[in-house]
Amino acid sequence: MNIEVKVIAGAKSNSFKYENGVYSIRIMQKAIDGKANKAIIEFLSSELDIRKKDIEILKGEKNSRKIISIEIDKDIFNSYFNEK
């Protein structure tokens, strides 16, 4: 599945939320030399309990708005937000 996310790099803590119809990721790593993108993949992999290779940034590598492909069952993905 593909999702559009708004990314805030250099945050105080990592988080992944869905509010007001928008996915947002706050990541502690600063957006320097692609390090935030790598941290996003590592964080999502850990949070969603999937392999890093199942997550790919399709669009927006140098932008705060990104399209991310995540190989995960939609019901499992949605249950992540229901548990929080």
PDB file of N, CA and C in Angstrom:
ATOM      1  N   MET A   1       0.832  -1.169   0.000  1.00  0.00           N
ATOM      2  CA  MET A   1       0.000   0.000   0.000  1.00  0.00           C
ATOM      3  C   MET A   1       0.884   1.241   0.000  1.00  0.00           C
ATOM      4  N   ASN A   2       0.400   2.309  -0.613  1.00  0.00           N
ATOM      5  CA  ASN A   2       1.126   3.572  -0.648  1.00  0.00           C
ATOM      6  C   ASN A   2       0.399   4.585   0.226  1.00  0.00           C
ATOM      7  N   ILE A   3       1.167   5.330   1.012  1.00  0.00           N
ATOM      8  CA  ILE A   3       0.579   6.381   1.832  1.00  0.00           C
ATOM      9  C   ILE A   3       1.356   7.670   1.638  1.00  0.00           C
ATOM     10  N   GLU A   4       0.664   8.781   1.776  1.00  0.00           N
ATOM     11  CA  GLU A   4       1.321  10.086   1.758  1.00  0.00           C
ATOM     12  C   GLU A   4       1.516  10.508   3.203  1.00  0.00           C
ATOM     13  N   VAL A   5       2.721  10.937   3.529  1.00  0.00           N
ATOM     14  CA  VAL A   5       3.019  11.347   4.905  1.00  0.00           C
ATOM     15  C   VAL A   5       3.666  12.720   4.922  1.00  0.00           C
ATOM     16  N   LYS A   6       3.435  13.419   6.007  1.00  0.00           N
ATOM     17  CA  LYS A   6       4.140  14.666   6.277  1.00  0.00           C
ATOM     18  C   LYS A   6       5.210  14.323   7.302  1.00  0.00           C
ATOM     19  N   VAL A   7       6.446  14.686   7.019  1.00  0.00           N
ATOM     20  CA  VAL A   7       7.571  14.336   7.887  1.00  0.00           C
ATOM     21  C   VAL A   7       8.108  15.589   8.574  1.00  0.00           C
ATOM     22  N   ILE A   8       8.337  15.463   9.867  1.00  0.00           N
ATOM     23  CA  ILE A   8       8.993  16.515  10.635  1.00  0.00           C
ATOM     24  C   ILE A   8      10.302  15.924  11.145  1.00  0.00           C
ATOM     25  N   ALA A   9      11.399  16.390  10.588  1.00  0.00           N
ATOM     26  CA  ALA A   9      12.720  15.896  10.979  1.00  0.00           C
ATOM     27  C   ALA A   9      13.267  16.766  12.101  1.00  0.00           C
ATOM     28  N   GLY A  10      14.136  16.188  12.919  1.00  0.00           N
ATOM     29  CA  GLY A  10      14.740  16.917  14.020  1.00  0.00           C
ATOM     30  C   GLY A  10      13.799  17.073  15.210  1.00  0.00           C
ATOM     31  N   ALA A  11      12.832  16.165  15.331  1.00  0.00           N
ATOM     32  CA  ALA A  11      11.862  16.221  16.433  1.00  0.00           C
ATOM     33  C   ALA A  11      12.492  15.724  17.731  1.00  0.00           C
ATOM     34  N   LYS A  12      11.808  15.952  18.839  1.00  0.00           N
ATOM     35  CA  LYS A  12      12.316  15.511  20.145  1.00  0.00           C
ATOM     36  C   LYS A  12      12.166  14.013  20.341  1.00  0.00           C
ATOM     37  N   SER A  13      11.187  13.400  19.646  1.00  0.00           N
ATOM     38  CA  SER A  13      10.986  11.953  19.738  1.00  0.00           C
ATOM     39  C   SER A  13      10.400  11.456  18.424  1.00  0.00           C
ATOM     40  N   ASN A  14      10.494  10.149  18.208  1.00  0.00           N
ATOM     41  CA  ASN A  14       9.930   9.536  17.018  1.00  0.00           C
ATOM     42  C   ASN A  14       8.472   9.185  17.265  1.00  0.00           C
ATOM     43  N   SER A  15       7.620   9.446  16.272  1.00  0.00           N
ATOM     44  CA  SER A  15       6.220   9.036  16.376  1.00  0.00           C
ATOM     45  C   SER A  15       5.616   8.917  14.987  1.00  0.00           C
ATOM     46  N   PHE A  16       4.551   8.150  14.904  1.00  0.00           N
ATOM     47  CA  PHE A  16       3.824   7.932  13.654  1.00  0.00           C
ATOM     48  C   PHE A  16       2.349   8.050  13.996  1.00  0.00           C
ATOM     49  N   LYS A  17       1.666   9.032  13.410  1.00  0.00           N
ATOM     50  CA  LYS A  17       0.274   9.306  13.765  1.00  0.00           C
ATOM     51  C   LYS A  17      -0.590   9.477  12.523  1.00  0.00           C
ATOM     52  N   TYR A  18      -1.881   9.304  12.748  1.00  0.00           N
ATOM     53  CA  TYR A  18      -2.889   9.587  11.725  1.00  0.00           C
ATOM     54  C   TYR A  18      -3.920  10.494  12.372  1.00  0.00           C
ATOM     55  N   GLU A  19      -3.927  11.747  11.953  1.00  0.00           N
ATOM     56  CA  GLU A  19      -4.850  12.727  12.512  1.00  0.00           C
ATOM     57  C   GLU A  19      -5.436  13.586  11.400  1.00  0.00           C
ATOM     58  N   ASN A  20      -6.738  13.821  11.487  1.00  0.00           N
ATOM     59  CA  ASN A  20      -7.428  14.681  10.522  1.00  0.00           C
ATOM     60  C   ASN A  20      -7.171  14.263   9.072  1.00  0.00           C
ATOM     61  N   GLY A  21      -7.120  12.958   8.839  1.00  0.00           N
ATOM     62  CA  GLY A  21      -6.941  12.436   7.489  1.00  0.00           C
ATOM     63  C   GLY A  21      -5.528  12.516   6.951  1.00  0.00           C
ATOM     64  N   VAL A  22      -4.544  12.798   7.820  1.00  0.00           N
ATOM     65  CA  VAL A  22      -3.160  12.946   7.374  1.00  0.00           C
ATOM     66  C   VAL A  22      -2.247  12.075   8.228  1.00  0.00           C
ATOM     67  N   TYR A  23      -1.360  11.320   7.556  1.00  0.00           N
ATOM     68  CA  TYR A  23      -0.325  10.562   8.256  1.00  0.00           C
ATOM     69  C   TYR A  23       0.844  11.511   8.507  1.00  0.00           C
ATOM     70  N   SER A  24       1.396  11.443   9.701  1.00  0.00           N
ATOM     71  CA  SER A  24       2.578  12.261   9.988  1.00  0.00           C
ATOM     72  C   SER A  24       3.602  11.427  10.741  1.00  0.00           C
ATOM     73  N   ILE A  25       4.842  11.697  10.417  1.00  0.00           N
ATOM     74  CA  ILE A  25       5.965  11.025  11.073  1.00  0.00           C
ATOM     75  C   ILE A  25       6.863  12.109  11.644  1.00  0.00           C
ATOM     76  N   ARG A  26       7.132  12.002  12.922  1.00  0.00           N
ATOM     77  CA  ARG A  26       8.120  12.860  13.584  1.00  0.00           C
ATOM     78  C   ARG A  26       9.338  11.977  13.821  1.00  0.00           C
ATOM     79  N   ILE A  27      10.481  12.452  13.355  1.00  0.00           N
ATOM     80  CA  ILE A  27      11.694  11.651  13.450  1.00  0.00           C
ATOM     81  C   ILE A  27      12.803  12.515  14.065  1.00  0.00           C
ATOM     82  N   MET A  28      13.558  11.946  14.972  1.00  0.00           N
ATOM     83  CA  MET A  28      14.601  12.714  15.670  1.00  0.00           C
ATOM     84  C   MET A  28      15.771  13.081  14.758  1.00  0.00           C
ATOM     85  N   GLN A  29      16.072  12.242  13.804  1.00  0.00           N
ATOM     86  CA  GLN A  29      17.200  12.478  12.901  1.00  0.00           C
ATOM     87  C   GLN A  29      16.940  13.720  12.053  1.00  0.00           C
ATOM     88  N   LYS A  30      17.958  14.541  11.880  1.00  0.00           N
ATOM     89  CA  LYS A  30      17.823  15.727  11.036  1.00  0.00           C
ATOM     90  C   LYS A  30      17.942  15.342   9.570  1.00  0.00           C
ATOM     91  N   ALA A  31      17.334  16.151   8.720  1.00  0.00           N
ATOM     92  CA  ALA A  31      17.308  15.883   7.279  1.00  0.00           C
ATOM     93  C   ALA A  31      18.612  16.338   6.625  1.00  0.00           C
ATOM     94  N   ILE A  32      19.668  15.597   6.873  1.00  0.00           N
ATOM     95  CA  ILE A  32      20.975  15.901   6.298  1.00  0.00           C
ATOM     96  C   ILE A  32      21.485  14.641   5.597  1.00  0.00           C
ATOM     97  N   ASP A  33      21.823  14.782   4.306  1.00  0.00           N
ATOM     98  CA  ASP A  33      22.398  13.681   3.522  1.00  0.00           C
ATOM     99  C   ASP A  33      21.539  12.422   3.532  1.00  0.00           C
ATOM    100  N   GLY A  34      20.230  12.556   3.535  1.00  0.00           N
ATOM    101  CA  GLY A  34      19.340  11.396   3.474  1.00  0.00           C
ATOM    102  C   GLY A  34      19.230  10.601   4.766  1.00  0.00           C
ATOM    103  N   LYS A  35      19.821  11.112   5.848  1.00  0.00           N
ATOM    104  CA  LYS A  35      19.796  10.375   7.113  1.00  0.00           C
ATOM    105  C   LYS A  35      18.385  10.278   7.686  1.00  0.00           C
ATOM    106  N   ALA A  36      17.573  11.304   7.515  1.00  0.00           N
ATOM    107  CA  ALA A  36      16.191  11.251   8.017  1.00  0.00           C
ATOM    108  C   ALA A  36      15.393  10.201   7.252  1.00  0.00           C
ATOM    109  N   ASN A  37      15.601  10.092   5.947  1.00  0.00           N
ATOM    110  CA  ASN A  37      14.887   9.082   5.158  1.00  0.00           C
ATOM    111  C   ASN A  37      15.234   7.668   5.640  1.00  0.00           C
ATOM    112  N   LYS A  38      16.499   7.449   5.895  1.00  0.00           N
ATOM    113  CA  LYS A  38      16.931   6.141   6.404  1.00  0.00           C
ATOM    114  C   LYS A  38      16.317   5.888   7.777  1.00  0.00           C
ATOM    115  N   ALA A  39      16.290   6.915   8.617  1.00  0.00           N
ATOM    116  CA  ALA A  39      15.704   6.778   9.959  1.00  0.00           C
ATOM    117  C   ALA A  39      14.199   6.508   9.883  1.00  0.00           C
ATOM    118  N   ILE A  40      13.517   7.094   8.907  1.00  0.00           N
ATOM    119  CA  ILE A  40      12.079   6.858   8.724  1.00  0.00           C
ATOM    120  C   ILE A  40      11.838   5.385   8.432  1.00  0.00           C
ATOM    121  N   ILE A  41      12.615   4.827   7.520  1.00  0.00           N
ATOM    122  CA  ILE A  41      12.461   3.415   7.155  1.00  0.00           C
ATOM    123  C   ILE A  41      12.749   2.520   8.356  1.00  0.00           C
ATOM    124  N   GLU A  42      13.804   2.808   9.078  1.00  0.00           N
ATOM    125  CA  GLU A  42      14.141   2.007  10.263  1.00  0.00           C
ATOM    126  C   GLU A  42      13.047   2.109  11.328  1.00  0.00           C
ATOM    127  N   PHE A  43      12.530   3.306  11.561  1.00  0.00           N
ATOM    128  CA  PHE A  43      11.500   3.520  12.559  1.00  0.00           C
ATOM    129  C   PHE A  43      10.206   2.799  12.174  1.00  0.00           C
ATOM    130  N   LEU A  44       9.766   2.964  10.916  1.00  0.00           N
ATOM    131  CA  LEU A  44       8.536   2.302  10.482  1.00  0.00           C
ATOM    132  C   LEU A  44       8.677   0.788  10.534  1.00  0.00           C
ATOM    133  N   SER A  45       9.843   0.291  10.167  1.00  0.00           N
ATOM    134  CA  SER A  45      10.094  -1.148  10.223  1.00  0.00           C
ATOM    135  C   SER A  45       9.913  -1.659  11.641  1.00  0.00           C
ATOM    136  N   SER A  46      10.464  -0.944  12.587  1.00  0.00           N
ATOM    137  CA  SER A  46      10.367  -1.335  13.990  1.00  0.00           C
ATOM    138  C   SER A  46       8.932  -1.210  14.508  1.00  0.00           C
ATOM    139  N   GLU A  47       8.281  -0.101  14.219  1.00  0.00           N
ATOM    140  CA  GLU A  47       6.918   0.154  14.713  1.00  0.00           C
ATOM    141  C   GLU A  47       5.896  -0.824  14.142  1.00  0.00           C
ATOM    142  N   LEU A  48       6.023  -1.123  12.845  1.00  0.00           N
ATOM    143  CA  LEU A  48       5.045  -1.979  12.177  1.00  0.00           C
ATOM    144  C   LEU A  48       5.457  -3.448  12.181  1.00  0.00           C
ATOM    145  N   ASP A  49       6.642  -3.725  12.714  1.00  0.00           N
ATOM    146  CA  ASP A  49       7.176  -5.088  12.798  1.00  0.00           C
ATOM    147  C   ASP A  49       7.246  -5.760  11.425  1.00  0.00           C
ATOM    148  N   ILE A  50       7.851  -5.035  10.484  1.00  0.00           N
ATOM    149  CA  ILE A  50       8.075  -5.579   9.143  1.00  0.00           C
ATOM    150  C   ILE A  50       9.530  -5.325   8.758  1.00  0.00           C
ATOM    151  N   ARG A  51       9.964  -5.976   7.676  1.00  0.00           N
ATOM    152  CA  ARG A  51      11.354  -5.828   7.223  1.00  0.00           C
ATOM    153  C   ARG A  51      11.567  -4.458   6.580  1.00  0.00           C
ATOM    154  N   LYS A  52      12.769  -3.934   6.720  1.00  0.00           N
ATOM    155  CA  LYS A  52      13.098  -2.641   6.120  1.00  0.00           C
ATOM    156  C   LYS A  52      12.937  -2.676   4.604  1.00  0.00           C
ATOM    157  N   LYS A  53      13.222  -3.825   4.008  1.00  0.00           N
ATOM    158  CA  LYS A  53      13.125  -3.901   2.548  1.00  0.00           C
ATOM    159  C   LYS A  53      11.670  -3.851   2.063  1.00  0.00           C
ATOM    160  N   ASP A  54      10.711  -3.949   2.981  1.00  0.00           N
ATOM    161  CA  ASP A  54       9.301  -3.849   2.627  1.00  0.00           C
ATOM    162  C   ASP A  54       8.783  -2.412   2.688  1.00  0.00           C
ATOM    163  N   ILE A  55       9.695  -1.468   2.907  1.00  0.00           N
ATOM    164  CA  ILE A  55       9.341  -0.044   2.979  1.00  0.00           C
ATOM    165  C   ILE A  55      10.218   0.713   1.993  1.00  0.00           C
ATOM    166  N   GLU A  56       9.594   1.564   1.186  1.00  0.00           N
ATOM    167  CA  GLU A  56      10.356   2.319   0.193  1.00  0.00           C
ATOM    168  C   GLU A  56       9.759   3.716   0.054  1.00  0.00           C
ATOM    169  N   ILE A  57      10.621   4.714  -0.004  1.00  0.00           N
ATOM    170  CA  ILE A  57      10.170   6.074  -0.280  1.00  0.00           C
ATOM    171  C   ILE A  57      10.096   6.221  -1.788  1.00  0.00           C
ATOM    172  N   LEU A  58       8.882   6.373  -2.305  1.00  0.00           N
ATOM    173  CA  LEU A  58       8.673   6.444  -3.742  1.00  0.00           C
ATOM    174  C   LEU A  58       8.849   7.858  -4.290  1.00  0.00           C
ATOM    175  N   LYS A  59       8.444   8.831  -3.501  1.00  0.00           N
ATOM    176  CA  LYS A  59       8.470  10.214  -3.973  1.00  0.00           C
ATOM    177  C   LYS A  59       8.703  11.140  -2.784  1.00  0.00           C
ATOM    178  N   GLY A  60       9.480  12.191  -3.004  1.00  0.00           N
ATOM    179  CA  GLY A  60       9.678  13.201  -1.981  1.00  0.00           C
ATOM    180  C   GLY A  60      10.900  12.984  -1.112  1.00  0.00           C
ATOM    181  N   GLU A  61      11.939  12.368  -1.656  1.00  0.00           N
ATOM    182  CA  GLU A  61      13.136  12.107  -0.854  1.00  0.00           C
ATOM    183  C   GLU A  61      13.753  13.381  -0.297  1.00  0.00           C
ATOM    184  N   LYS A  62      13.558  14.500  -0.970  1.00  0.00           N
ATOM    185  CA  LYS A  62      14.123  15.766  -0.499  1.00  0.00           C
ATOM    186  C   LYS A  62      13.017  16.757  -0.148  1.00  0.00           C
ATOM    187  N   ASN A  63      11.891  16.213   0.319  1.00  0.00           N
ATOM    188  CA  ASN A  63      10.734  17.039   0.630  1.00  0.00           C
ATOM    189  C   ASN A  63      10.121  16.547   1.937  1.00  0.00           C
ATOM    190  N   SER A  64       9.392  17.396   2.618  1.00  0.00           N
ATOM    191  CA  SER A  64       8.747  16.963   3.862  1.00  0.00           C
ATOM    192  C   SER A  64       7.477  16.154   3.588  1.00  0.00           C
ATOM    193  N   ARG A  65       6.934  16.243   2.398  1.00  0.00           N
ATOM    194  CA  ARG A  65       5.796  15.406   1.995  1.00  0.00           C
ATOM    195  C   ARG A  65       6.336  14.251   1.159  1.00  0.00           C
ATOM    196  N   LYS A  66       6.015  13.051   1.569  1.00  0.00           N
ATOM    197  CA  LYS A  66       6.556  11.867   0.907  1.00  0.00           C
ATOM    198  C   LYS A  66       5.452  10.873   0.576  1.00  0.00           C
ATOM    199  N   ILE A  67       5.675  10.094  -0.453  1.00  0.00           N
ATOM    200  CA  ILE A  67       4.843   8.932  -0.757  1.00  0.00           C
ATOM    201  C   ILE A  67       5.692   7.720  -0.379  1.00  0.00           C
ATOM    202  N   ILE A  68       5.168   6.915   0.537  1.00  0.00           N
ATOM    203  CA  ILE A  68       5.909   5.753   1.026  1.00  0.00           C
ATOM    204  C   ILE A  68       5.126   4.491   0.701  1.00  0.00           C
ATOM    205  N   SER A  69       5.812   3.525   0.129  1.00  0.00           N
ATOM    206  CA  SER A  69       5.235   2.214  -0.149  1.00  0.00           C
ATOM    207  C   SER A  69       5.559   1.294   1.021  1.00  0.00           C
ATOM    208  N   ILE A  70       4.513   0.665   1.559  1.00  0.00           N
ATOM    209  CA  ILE A  70       4.686  -0.252   2.683  1.00  0.00           C
ATOM    210  C   ILE A  70       4.011  -1.572   2.325  1.00  0.00           C
ATOM    211  N   GLU A  71       4.801  -2.649   2.316  1.00  0.00           N
ATOM    212  CA  GLU A  71       4.273  -3.976   2.035  1.00  0.00           C
ATOM    213  C   GLU A  71       3.705  -4.562   3.326  1.00  0.00           C
ATOM    214  N   ILE A  72       2.417  -4.314   3.542  1.00  0.00           N
ATOM    215  CA  ILE A  72       1.753  -4.772   4.753  1.00  0.00           C
ATOM    216  C   ILE A  72       0.267  -4.915   4.449  1.00  0.00           C
ATOM    217  N   ASP A  73      -0.377  -5.849   5.094  1.00  0.00           N
ATOM    218  CA  ASP A  73      -1.814  -6.011   4.954  1.00  0.00           C
ATOM    219  C   ASP A  73      -2.503  -4.754   5.484  1.00  0.00           C
ATOM    220  N   LYS A  74      -3.477  -4.264   4.745  1.00  0.00           N
ATOM    221  CA  LYS A  74      -4.149  -3.018   5.114  1.00  0.00           C
ATOM    222  C   LYS A  74      -4.805  -3.102   6.495  1.00  0.00           C
ATOM    223  N   ASP A  75      -5.394  -4.245   6.832  1.00  0.00           N
ATOM    224  CA  ASP A  75      -6.034  -4.404   8.142  1.00  0.00           C
ATOM    225  C   ASP A  75      -5.014  -4.348   9.276  1.00  0.00           C
ATOM    226  N   ILE A  76      -3.853  -4.962   9.065  1.00  0.00           N
ATOM    227  CA  ILE A  76      -2.792  -4.922  10.077  1.00  0.00           C
ATOM    228  C   ILE A  76      -2.295  -3.489  10.240  1.00  0.00           C
ATOM    229  N   PHE A  77      -2.117  -2.800   9.113  1.00  0.00           N
ATOM    230  CA  PHE A  77      -1.665  -1.410   9.146  1.00  0.00           C
ATOM    231  C   PHE A  77      -2.660  -0.548   9.918  1.00  0.00           C
ATOM    232  N   ASN A  78      -3.938  -0.680   9.607  1.00  0.00           N
ATOM    233  CA  ASN A  78      -4.960   0.118  10.291  1.00  0.00           C
ATOM    234  C   ASN A  78      -5.066  -0.215  11.771  1.00  0.00           C
ATOM    235  N   SER A  79      -4.821  -1.474  12.126  1.00  0.00           N
ATOM    236  CA  SER A  79      -4.905  -1.853  13.540  1.00  0.00           C
ATOM    237  C   SER A  79      -3.804  -1.181  14.358  1.00  0.00           C
ATOM    238  N   TYR A  80      -2.692  -0.827  13.707  1.00  0.00           N
ATOM    239  CA  TYR A  80      -1.607  -0.118  14.396  1.00  0.00           C
ATOM    240  C   TYR A  80      -2.145   1.164  15.037  1.00  0.00           C
ATOM    241  N   PHE A  81      -2.974   1.898  14.319  1.00  0.00           N
ATOM    242  CA  PHE A  81      -3.486   3.184  14.802  1.00  0.00           C
ATOM    243  C   PHE A  81      -4.618   2.980  15.819  1.00  0.00           C
ATOM    244  N   ASN A  82      -5.340   1.876  15.711  1.00  0.00           N
ATOM    245  CA  ASN A  82      -6.411   1.598  16.650  1.00  0.00           C
ATOM    246  C   ASN A  82      -5.867   1.199  18.031  1.00  0.00           C
ATOM    247  N   GLU A  83      -4.642   0.669  18.057  1.00  0.00           N
ATOM    248  CA  GLU A  83      -4.030   0.239  19.321  1.00  0.00           C
ATOM    249  C   GLU A  83      -3.441   1.404  20.095  1.00  0.00           C
ATOM    250  N   LYS A  84      -3.183   2.502  19.440  1.00  0.00           N
ATOM    251  CA  LYS A  84      -2.517   3.646  20.083  1.00  0.00           C
ATOM    252  C   LYS A  84      -3.505   4.499  20.829  1.00  0.00           C
TER     253      LYS A  84
END
